[in-house]
Amino acid sequence: MTEKKMLERIVVDPNIKVGKPVIKGTRLTVEYILGLLAQDASFEEIIEEYAGLTKEDIQACLYFATKSLQSTVFMPLPLESA
């Protein structure tokens, strides 16, 4: 899938989820999908849970996040004391 096709799967609309990036045709945010993946959910589990979602939609979330981070400057997160 081309970069353009992947990015077309993600939309930003101020009327949907306060303008957070979502998978086109859904109210599932990129942030939410990334959170599921971070909690060790598999592509298959996510697709099974959300009818109509595809592997390509999840890949588009990962690609969108990658592109979004390319021009970001990071500062270390403070570690909480135990």
C-alpha atoms as a PDB file:
ATOM      1  CA  MET A   1       0.000   0.000   0.000  1.00  0.00           C
ATOM      2  CA  THR A   2       1.383   3.426  -0.894  1.00  0.00           C
ATOM      3  CA  GLU A   3       2.061   6.133   1.673  1.00  0.00           C
ATOM      4  CA  LYS A   4      -0.744   8.245   0.228  1.00  0.00           C
ATOM      5  CA  LYS A   5      -3.256   5.376   0.442  1.00  0.00           C
ATOM      6  CA  MET A   6      -2.296   4.710   4.056  1.00  0.00           C
ATOM      7  CA  LEU A   7      -2.659   8.353   5.054  1.00  0.00           C
ATOM      8  CA  GLU A   8      -6.047   8.562   3.295  1.00  0.00           C
ATOM      9  CA  ARG A   9      -7.350   6.037   5.845  1.00  0.00           C
ATOM     10  CA  ILE A  10      -6.777   8.544   8.673  1.00  0.00           C
ATOM     11  CA  VAL A  11      -8.917  11.674   8.919  1.00  0.00           C
ATOM     12  CA  VAL A  12      -8.968  14.697  11.177  1.00  0.00           C
ATOM     13  CA  ASP A  13     -12.353  16.367  11.589  1.00  0.00           C
ATOM     14  CA  PRO A  14     -13.047  18.852  14.389  1.00  0.00           C
ATOM     15  CA  ASN A  15     -16.562  17.374  14.667  1.00  0.00           C
ATOM     16  CA  ILE A  16     -15.271  13.864  15.389  1.00  0.00           C
ATOM     17  CA  LYS A  17     -13.469  13.179  18.665  1.00  0.00           C
ATOM     18  CA  VAL A  18     -12.558  16.859  19.015  1.00  0.00           C
ATOM     19  CA  GLY A  19     -10.313  16.707  15.950  1.00  0.00           C
ATOM     20  CA  LYS A  20      -8.179  13.761  17.011  1.00  0.00           C
ATOM     21  CA  PRO A  21      -6.985  11.610  14.085  1.00  0.00           C
ATOM     22  CA  VAL A  22      -9.409   8.714  13.524  1.00  0.00           C
ATOM     23  CA  ILE A  23      -9.712   5.810  11.139  1.00  0.00           C
ATOM     24  CA  LYS A  24     -11.890   6.992   8.262  1.00  0.00           C
ATOM     25  CA  GLY A  25     -15.526   5.987   8.685  1.00  0.00           C
ATOM     26  CA  THR A  26     -15.111   5.232  12.394  1.00  0.00           C
ATOM     27  CA  ARG A  27     -14.771   7.009  15.717  1.00  0.00           C
ATOM     28  CA  LEU A  28     -11.693   4.948  16.587  1.00  0.00           C
ATOM     29  CA  THR A  29      -8.742   7.232  17.228  1.00  0.00           C
ATOM     30  CA  VAL A  30      -5.199   6.471  16.170  1.00  0.00           C
ATOM     31  CA  GLU A  31      -4.254   6.969  19.818  1.00  0.00           C
ATOM     32  CA  TYR A  32      -6.766   4.307  20.931  1.00  0.00           C
ATOM     33  CA  ILE A  33      -5.535   1.735  18.396  1.00  0.00           C
ATOM     34  CA  LEU A  34      -1.904   2.390  19.363  1.00  0.00           C
ATOM     35  CA  GLY A  35      -2.878   1.944  23.008  1.00  0.00           C
ATOM     36  CA  LEU A  36      -4.432  -1.428  22.244  1.00  0.00           C
ATOM     37  CA  LEU A  37      -1.275  -2.509  20.424  1.00  0.00           C
ATOM     38  CA  ALA A  38       0.871  -1.272  23.331  1.00  0.00           C
ATOM     39  CA  GLN A  39      -1.221  -3.457  25.662  1.00  0.00           C
ATOM     40  CA  ASP A  40      -0.272  -6.451  23.491  1.00  0.00           C
ATOM     41  CA  ALA A  41      -3.525  -6.785  21.540  1.00  0.00           C
ATOM     42  CA  SER A  42      -2.894  -8.438  18.196  1.00  0.00           C
ATOM     43  CA  PHE A  43      -4.132  -7.113  14.862  1.00  0.00           C
ATOM     44  CA  GLU A  44      -6.505 -10.087  14.761  1.00  0.00           C
ATOM     45  CA  GLU A  45      -7.959  -9.352  18.204  1.00  0.00           C
ATOM     46  CA  ILE A  46      -8.564  -5.704  17.313  1.00  0.00           C
ATOM     47  CA  ILE A  47     -10.169  -6.591  13.985  1.00  0.00           C
ATOM     48  CA  GLU A  48     -12.385  -9.183  15.689  1.00  0.00           C
ATOM     49  CA  GLU A  49     -13.518  -6.622  18.285  1.00  0.00           C
ATOM     50  CA  TYR A  50     -14.305  -3.824  15.805  1.00  0.00           C
ATOM     51  CA  ALA A  51     -16.396  -4.906  12.833  1.00  0.00           C
ATOM     52  CA  GLY A  52     -15.297  -3.416   9.545  1.00  0.00           C
ATOM     53  CA  LEU A  53     -11.772  -2.625  10.724  1.00  0.00           C
ATOM     54  CA  THR A  54      -8.994  -4.049   8.554  1.00  0.00           C
ATOM     55  CA  LYS A  55      -5.326  -4.883   8.915  1.00  0.00           C
ATOM     56  CA  GLU A  56      -4.637  -1.960   6.580  1.00  0.00           C
ATOM     57  CA  ASP A  57      -6.478   0.417   8.945  1.00  0.00           C
ATOM     58  CA  ILE A  58      -4.215  -0.631  11.808  1.00  0.00           C
ATOM     59  CA  GLN A  59      -1.121  -0.345   9.630  1.00  0.00           C
ATOM     60  CA  ALA A  60      -2.293   3.149   8.653  1.00  0.00           C
ATOM     61  CA  CYS A  61      -2.426   4.087  12.355  1.00  0.00           C
ATOM     62  CA  LEU A  62       1.149   2.934  12.811  1.00  0.00           C
ATOM     63  CA  TYR A  63       2.269   4.788   9.696  1.00  0.00           C
ATOM     64  CA  PHE A  64       0.432   7.959  10.719  1.00  0.00           C
ATOM     65  CA  ALA A  65       2.120   7.861  14.134  1.00  0.00           C
ATOM     66  CA  THR A  66       5.510   7.309  12.506  1.00  0.00           C
ATOM     67  CA  LYS A  67       5.056  10.270  10.174  1.00  0.00           C
ATOM     68  CA  SER A  68       3.770  12.435  13.023  1.00  0.00           C
ATOM     69  CA  LEU A  69       6.856  11.739  15.125  1.00  0.00           C
ATOM     70  CA  GLN A  70       9.416  12.439  12.411  1.00  0.00           C
ATOM     71  CA  SER A  71       9.577  16.170  13.072  1.00  0.00           C
ATOM     72  CA  THR A  72       8.998  16.043  16.818  1.00  0.00           C
ATOM     73  CA  VAL A  73      11.620  17.117  19.327  1.00  0.00           C
ATOM     74  CA  PHE A  74      11.591  15.027  22.470  1.00  0.00           C
ATOM     75  CA  MET A  75      12.410  15.826  26.029  1.00  0.00           C
ATOM     76  CA  PRO A  76      13.006  12.999  28.482  1.00  0.00           C
ATOM     77  CA  LEU A  77      10.008  12.080  30.594  1.00  0.00           C
ATOM     78  CA  PRO A  78      10.678  12.497  34.313  1.00  0.00           C
ATOM     79  CA  LEU A  79      10.819   9.227  36.195  1.00  0.00           C
ATOM     80  CA  GLU A  80       8.537   9.012  39.197  1.00  0.00           C
ATOM     81  CA  SER A  81      10.247   8.277  42.506  1.00  0.00           C
ATOM     82  CA  ALA A  82       9.314   5.025  44.111  1.00  0.00           C
END
